[in-house]
């Protein structure tokens, strides 16, 4: 037997299954999880675009269609308050950021369910599946940023040093979406209603965030937007994208910290629940 081969011993004794024990295991398995996640990410991307005529266009098609619809409606049917930047730039950035949020929510459950048979048959670092979903979201983010660069040039949208804050802004939006998705993953593994419900609900929830309209400054909607974490993360990131002044950095940092903690909690729940869920779906 190879003296360097890793041996895992399973026991019914759960006396040392503390949070710190799980955390140590996560960090110790991180290299293997990254290797698995990266390989799955490459496989998924190659399979996706090998069987597609439009290729990467599908990464930008949904927000483009949504933006084009609202640009048309604003000019011909409905009234939307004036924006500090050209409305096509405003709505395109908003819809792109919203799609990053929705992809981040769906990524954990999608990655786990698409590899369900592997989980049942092989003992693998399950965090690697989560990483593969994160890598796919990041890949799509790069495509979206490339499109936005073209849009900015076409509309002569100026940028400033605040654009450097777009990276932590996008990461905060991803953390928010991933935290929600990770909490829903164990239930979604058992009941397909979760995935179906998210697919139906997320397009409608977009209208409760200032994606296609500016942030209200007064009234009940303004209060609602302050209480909506996604609204704050999205508005601040769009402001940095378009060289507009920040509105509430403190609230942005608060929500980011809260969802980082929720992500950690979700990861712990994921590690504890997955063996039982795998046993149930494999029986």
Protein backbone atom coordinates (compact mmCIF):
# COMPACT_ATOMS: atom_id res chain seq x y z
CA UNK A 1 0.00 0.00 0.00
CA UNK A 2 1.23 3.51 -0.82
CA UNK A 3 2.42 5.08 2.44
CA UNK A 4 1.14 8.47 1.25
CA UNK A 5 -2.35 7.22 0.47
CA UNK A 6 -5.02 8.99 2.48
CA UNK A 7 -7.15 6.69 4.63
CA UNK A 8 -10.54 7.83 5.89
CA UNK A 9 -12.10 5.97 8.83
CA UNK A 10 -15.85 6.25 9.37
CA UNK A 11 -17.21 5.74 12.85
CA UNK A 12 -20.56 5.95 14.60
CA UNK A 13 -18.91 8.09 17.29
CA UNK A 14 -19.90 11.71 16.69
CA UNK A 15 -18.36 13.10 19.90
CA UNK A 16 -15.73 15.11 18.02
CA UNK A 17 -17.94 16.50 15.26
CA UNK A 18 -17.63 20.11 16.41
CA UNK A 19 -17.71 23.17 14.16
CA UNK A 20 -13.93 23.48 14.45
CA UNK A 21 -13.51 19.85 13.40
CA UNK A 22 -15.60 20.45 10.30
CA UNK A 23 -13.68 23.65 9.60
CA UNK A 24 -10.34 21.83 9.81
CA UNK A 25 -11.62 19.18 7.44
CA UNK A 26 -12.77 21.82 4.95
CA UNK A 27 -9.31 23.41 4.85
CA UNK A 28 -7.48 20.08 4.75
CA UNK A 29 -9.62 18.89 1.82
CA UNK A 30 -9.46 22.22 -0.01
CA UNK A 31 -6.68 21.22 -2.50
CA UNK A 32 -8.58 18.04 -3.48
CA UNK A 33 -11.86 19.96 -3.61
CA UNK A 34 -10.31 22.60 -5.89
CA UNK A 35 -8.89 19.95 -8.22
CA UNK A 36 -12.26 18.19 -8.45
CA UNK A 37 -14.16 21.46 -8.85
CA UNK A 38 -11.86 22.71 -11.60
CA UNK A 39 -12.10 19.46 -13.55
CA UNK A 40 -15.89 19.43 -13.30
CA UNK A 41 -16.00 23.09 -14.32
CA UNK A 42 -13.91 22.40 -17.44
CA UNK A 43 -16.03 19.37 -18.30
CA UNK A 44 -19.28 21.30 -17.90
CA UNK A 45 -18.11 24.30 -19.93
CA UNK A 46 -16.76 22.17 -22.77
CA UNK A 47 -19.92 20.02 -22.85
CA UNK A 48 -22.17 23.08 -22.72
CA UNK A 49 -20.55 24.96 -25.59
CA UNK A 50 -19.76 21.88 -27.69
CA UNK A 51 -23.48 21.20 -28.02
CA UNK A 52 -24.50 24.84 -28.51
CA UNK A 53 -24.59 26.92 -31.69
CA UNK A 54 -24.64 30.25 -29.86
CA UNK A 55 -22.01 29.34 -27.27
CA UNK A 56 -21.20 32.13 -24.80
CA UNK A 57 -24.13 34.19 -26.09
CA UNK A 58 -26.35 32.23 -23.68
CA UNK A 59 -24.43 33.78 -20.75
CA UNK A 60 -25.52 37.29 -21.79
CA UNK A 61 -28.76 36.58 -23.68
CA UNK A 62 -31.25 36.75 -20.72
CA UNK A 63 -30.09 40.15 -19.36
CA UNK A 64 -29.84 41.55 -22.89
CA UNK A 65 -33.44 40.58 -23.67
CA UNK A 66 -34.69 41.96 -20.35
CA UNK A 67 -32.78 45.21 -20.84
CA UNK A 68 -33.98 45.60 -24.44
CA UNK A 69 -37.59 45.06 -23.32
CA UNK A 70 -37.39 47.75 -20.64
CA UNK A 71 -35.58 50.19 -22.90
CA UNK A 72 -38.47 49.80 -25.36
CA UNK A 73 -41.16 50.08 -22.66
CA UNK A 74 -39.59 53.16 -21.10
CA UNK A 75 -39.51 54.91 -24.44
CA UNK A 76 -42.99 53.97 -25.58
CA UNK A 77 -45.31 52.67 -22.87
CA UNK A 78 -44.37 53.38 -19.26
CA UNK A 79 -42.57 56.09 -17.32
CA UNK A 80 -39.39 55.38 -15.36
CA UNK A 81 -37.65 58.05 -13.30
CA UNK A 82 -34.57 59.66 -14.81
CA UNK A 83 -31.24 58.00 -14.13
CA UNK A 84 -27.85 59.62 -13.63
CA UNK A 85 -26.41 57.65 -16.56
CA UNK A 86 -27.96 56.74 -19.94
CA UNK A 87 -30.87 54.38 -19.27
CA UNK A 88 -29.52 51.56 -21.53
CA UNK A 89 -26.30 51.55 -19.47
CA UNK A 90 -28.28 51.73 -16.21
CA UNK A 91 -30.61 48.85 -17.02
CA UNK A 92 -27.94 46.65 -18.62
CA UNK A 93 -25.66 46.92 -15.60
CA UNK A 94 -28.63 46.24 -13.31
CA UNK A 95 -29.84 43.16 -15.19
CA UNK A 96 -26.29 41.78 -15.45
CA UNK A 97 -25.80 42.12 -11.69
CA UNK A 98 -29.19 40.54 -11.02
CA UNK A 99 -28.30 37.58 -13.22
CA UNK A 100 -25.06 37.13 -11.26
CA UNK A 101 -27.18 37.00 -8.10
CA UNK A 102 -29.62 34.44 -9.53
CA UNK A 103 -26.82 32.27 -10.95
CA UNK A 104 -25.15 32.31 -7.52
CA UNK A 105 -28.36 31.14 -5.84
CA UNK A 106 -28.87 28.30 -8.32
CA UNK A 107 -25.19 27.25 -8.52
CA UNK A 108 -24.95 25.06 -5.36
CA UNK A 109 -28.12 23.07 -5.99
CA UNK A 110 -27.38 22.74 -9.71
CA UNK A 111 -23.84 21.48 -9.05
CA UNK A 112 -24.96 18.94 -6.45
CA UNK A 113 -28.01 17.57 -8.28
CA UNK A 114 -26.16 17.22 -11.61
CA UNK A 115 -23.56 15.04 -9.87
CA UNK A 116 -25.96 13.11 -7.64
CA UNK A 117 -24.95 9.73 -9.05
CA UNK A 118 -21.29 10.48 -8.36
CA UNK A 119 -22.07 11.38 -4.76
CA UNK A 120 -23.89 8.10 -4.19
CA UNK A 121 -21.17 5.88 -5.69
CA UNK A 122 -17.88 7.64 -4.85
CA UNK A 123 -16.50 9.23 -1.70
CA UNK A 124 -15.37 12.64 -2.96
CA UNK A 125 -14.81 16.03 -1.31
CA UNK A 126 -18.31 17.39 -1.70
CA UNK A 127 -17.12 20.99 -1.46
CA UNK A 128 -15.50 20.38 -4.85
CA UNK A 129 -18.97 20.27 -6.40
CA UNK A 130 -19.78 23.62 -4.81
CA UNK A 131 -16.53 25.06 -6.15
CA UNK A 132 -17.38 23.90 -9.67
CA UNK A 133 -20.59 25.93 -9.44
CA UNK A 134 -18.69 28.98 -8.20
CA UNK A 135 -16.17 28.67 -11.05
CA UNK A 136 -19.01 28.59 -13.59
CA UNK A 137 -20.52 31.76 -12.12
CA UNK A 138 -17.12 33.50 -12.24
CA UNK A 139 -16.66 32.41 -15.85
CA UNK A 140 -20.01 33.94 -16.78
CA UNK A 141 -19.10 37.12 -14.87
CA UNK A 142 -16.07 37.62 -17.13
CA UNK A 143 -18.27 37.31 -20.21
CA UNK A 144 -20.74 39.84 -18.81
CA UNK A 145 -17.99 42.34 -18.00
CA UNK A 146 -16.68 42.06 -21.56
CA UNK A 147 -20.16 42.87 -22.88
CA UNK A 148 -20.50 45.82 -20.50
CA UNK A 149 -17.16 47.18 -21.70
CA UNK A 150 -18.57 47.24 -25.25
CA UNK A 151 -21.77 48.94 -24.03
CA UNK A 152 -19.76 51.56 -22.11
CA UNK A 153 -17.72 52.37 -25.20
CA UNK A 154 -20.85 52.59 -27.38
CA UNK A 155 -22.55 55.05 -25.00
CA UNK A 156 -19.32 56.87 -24.08
CA UNK A 157 -19.86 56.07 -20.42
CA UNK A 158 -17.00 57.42 -18.33
CA UNK A 159 -15.32 55.34 -15.64
CA UNK A 160 -13.24 56.33 -12.63
CA UNK A 161 -11.12 54.68 -9.98
CA UNK A 162 -14.36 53.56 -8.32
CA UNK A 163 -14.52 50.82 -10.96
CA UNK A 164 -11.89 48.99 -8.87
CA UNK A 165 -14.58 48.50 -6.21
CA UNK A 166 -16.73 46.58 -8.70
CA UNK A 167 -14.78 43.39 -7.93
CA UNK A 168 -15.67 43.34 -4.19
CA UNK A 169 -19.17 44.48 -5.17
CA UNK A 170 -19.69 41.50 -7.47
CA UNK A 171 -18.16 39.16 -4.89
CA UNK A 172 -20.62 40.48 -2.29
CA UNK A 173 -23.54 39.82 -4.63
CA UNK A 174 -22.20 36.30 -5.24
CA UNK A 175 -21.79 35.68 -1.51
CA UNK A 176 -25.38 36.80 -0.92
CA UNK A 177 -26.77 34.51 -3.61
CA UNK A 178 -24.53 31.58 -2.70
CA UNK A 179 -25.51 31.84 0.99
CA UNK A 180 -29.20 31.54 0.12
CA UNK A 181 -28.56 28.75 -2.39
CA UNK A 182 -26.39 26.79 0.04
CA UNK A 183 -29.06 26.87 2.73
CA UNK A 184 -31.64 25.59 0.24
CA UNK A 185 -29.42 22.84 -1.21
CA UNK A 186 -30.05 20.08 1.38
CA UNK A 187 -33.83 20.51 1.03
CA UNK A 188 -33.52 20.85 -2.74
CA UNK A 189 -31.70 17.51 -2.88
CA UNK A 190 -34.77 15.83 -1.43
CA UNK A 191 -37.53 17.83 -3.11
CA UNK A 192 -37.40 19.13 -6.67
CA UNK A 193 -39.97 21.80 -5.74
CA UNK A 194 -37.14 24.02 -4.48
CA UNK A 195 -35.41 24.27 -7.85
CA UNK A 196 -38.69 24.72 -9.71
CA UNK A 197 -39.87 27.34 -7.24
CA UNK A 198 -36.65 29.33 -7.55
CA UNK A 199 -36.82 29.25 -11.34
CA UNK A 200 -40.33 30.71 -11.22
CA UNK A 201 -39.85 33.17 -8.35
CA UNK A 202 -36.52 34.81 -9.18
CA UNK A 203 -37.67 36.66 -12.35
CA UNK A 204 -40.55 38.18 -10.38
CA UNK A 205 -38.38 39.06 -7.37
CA UNK A 206 -36.24 41.17 -9.70
CA UNK A 207 -38.98 43.80 -9.68
CA UNK A 208 -38.63 44.19 -5.90
CA UNK A 209 -35.05 45.39 -6.40
CA UNK A 210 -33.93 48.56 -8.23
CA UNK A 211 -32.73 46.68 -11.29
CA UNK A 212 -34.73 48.52 -13.95
CA UNK A 213 -35.60 51.65 -11.98
CA UNK A 214 -33.63 53.97 -9.65
CA UNK A 215 -33.64 53.48 -5.91
CA UNK A 216 -36.70 55.26 -4.43
CA UNK A 217 -35.81 58.12 -2.08
CA UNK A 218 -39.06 58.37 -0.14
CA UNK A 219 -42.17 56.44 0.79
CA UNK A 220 -42.74 52.83 1.75
CA UNK A 221 -40.76 51.54 -1.26
CA UNK A 222 -37.68 53.42 -0.07
CA UNK A 223 -37.98 51.72 3.34
CA UNK A 224 -38.50 48.34 1.67
CA UNK A 225 -35.39 48.82 -0.47
CA UNK A 226 -33.31 49.67 2.61
CA UNK A 227 -34.41 46.38 4.16
CA UNK A 228 -33.68 44.44 0.96
CA UNK A 229 -30.00 43.37 1.11
CA UNK A 230 -29.85 42.62 -2.62
CA UNK A 231 -31.02 46.17 -3.40
CA UNK A 232 -28.17 47.70 -1.39
CA UNK A 233 -25.51 45.40 -2.86
CA UNK A 234 -26.76 45.92 -6.39
CA UNK A 235 -27.12 49.72 -6.16
CA UNK A 236 -23.66 50.27 -4.68
CA UNK A 237 -22.00 47.98 -7.23
CA UNK A 238 -23.82 49.71 -10.11
CA UNK A 239 -22.77 53.10 -8.74
CA UNK A 240 -19.14 51.98 -8.74
CA UNK A 241 -19.55 50.63 -12.27
CA UNK A 242 -20.93 53.93 -13.56
CA UNK A 243 -18.78 56.36 -11.52
CA UNK A 244 -21.66 57.51 -9.32
CA UNK A 245 -21.27 58.40 -5.62
CA UNK A 246 -21.86 55.64 -3.09
CA UNK A 247 -25.12 55.76 -1.14
CA UNK A 248 -24.54 53.71 2.03
CA UNK A 249 -21.18 51.96 2.36
CA UNK A 250 -21.89 51.03 5.98
CA UNK A 251 -25.05 49.14 5.06
CA UNK A 252 -23.24 47.48 2.16
CA UNK A 253 -20.49 46.21 4.50
CA UNK A 254 -23.06 45.10 7.08
CA UNK A 255 -25.04 43.01 4.60
CA UNK A 256 -21.84 41.55 3.14
CA UNK A 257 -20.69 40.46 6.59
CA UNK A 258 -24.09 38.98 7.45
CA UNK A 259 -24.21 36.88 4.29
CA UNK A 260 -20.60 35.78 4.75
CA UNK A 261 -21.65 34.38 8.14
CA UNK A 262 -24.75 32.80 6.59
CA UNK A 263 -22.52 31.17 3.97
CA UNK A 264 -20.37 29.71 6.73
CA UNK A 265 -23.48 28.43 8.52
CA UNK A 266 -24.79 26.98 5.27
CA UNK A 267 -21.50 25.18 4.67
CA UNK A 268 -21.62 23.60 8.13
CA UNK A 269 -25.24 22.49 7.58
CA UNK A 270 -24.24 21.15 4.17
CA UNK A 271 -21.40 19.04 5.64
CA UNK A 272 -23.53 17.64 8.45
CA UNK A 273 -26.61 16.88 6.35
CA UNK A 274 -25.07 15.51 3.15
CA UNK A 275 -24.15 12.01 4.48
CA UNK A 276 -27.76 11.50 5.63
CA UNK A 277 -29.18 12.87 2.37
CA UNK A 278 -26.85 10.72 0.25
CA UNK A 279 -27.87 7.65 2.24
CA UNK A 280 -31.54 8.48 1.68
CA UNK A 281 -31.34 9.15 -2.07
CA UNK A 282 -29.06 6.14 -2.59
CA UNK A 283 -31.36 3.66 -0.88
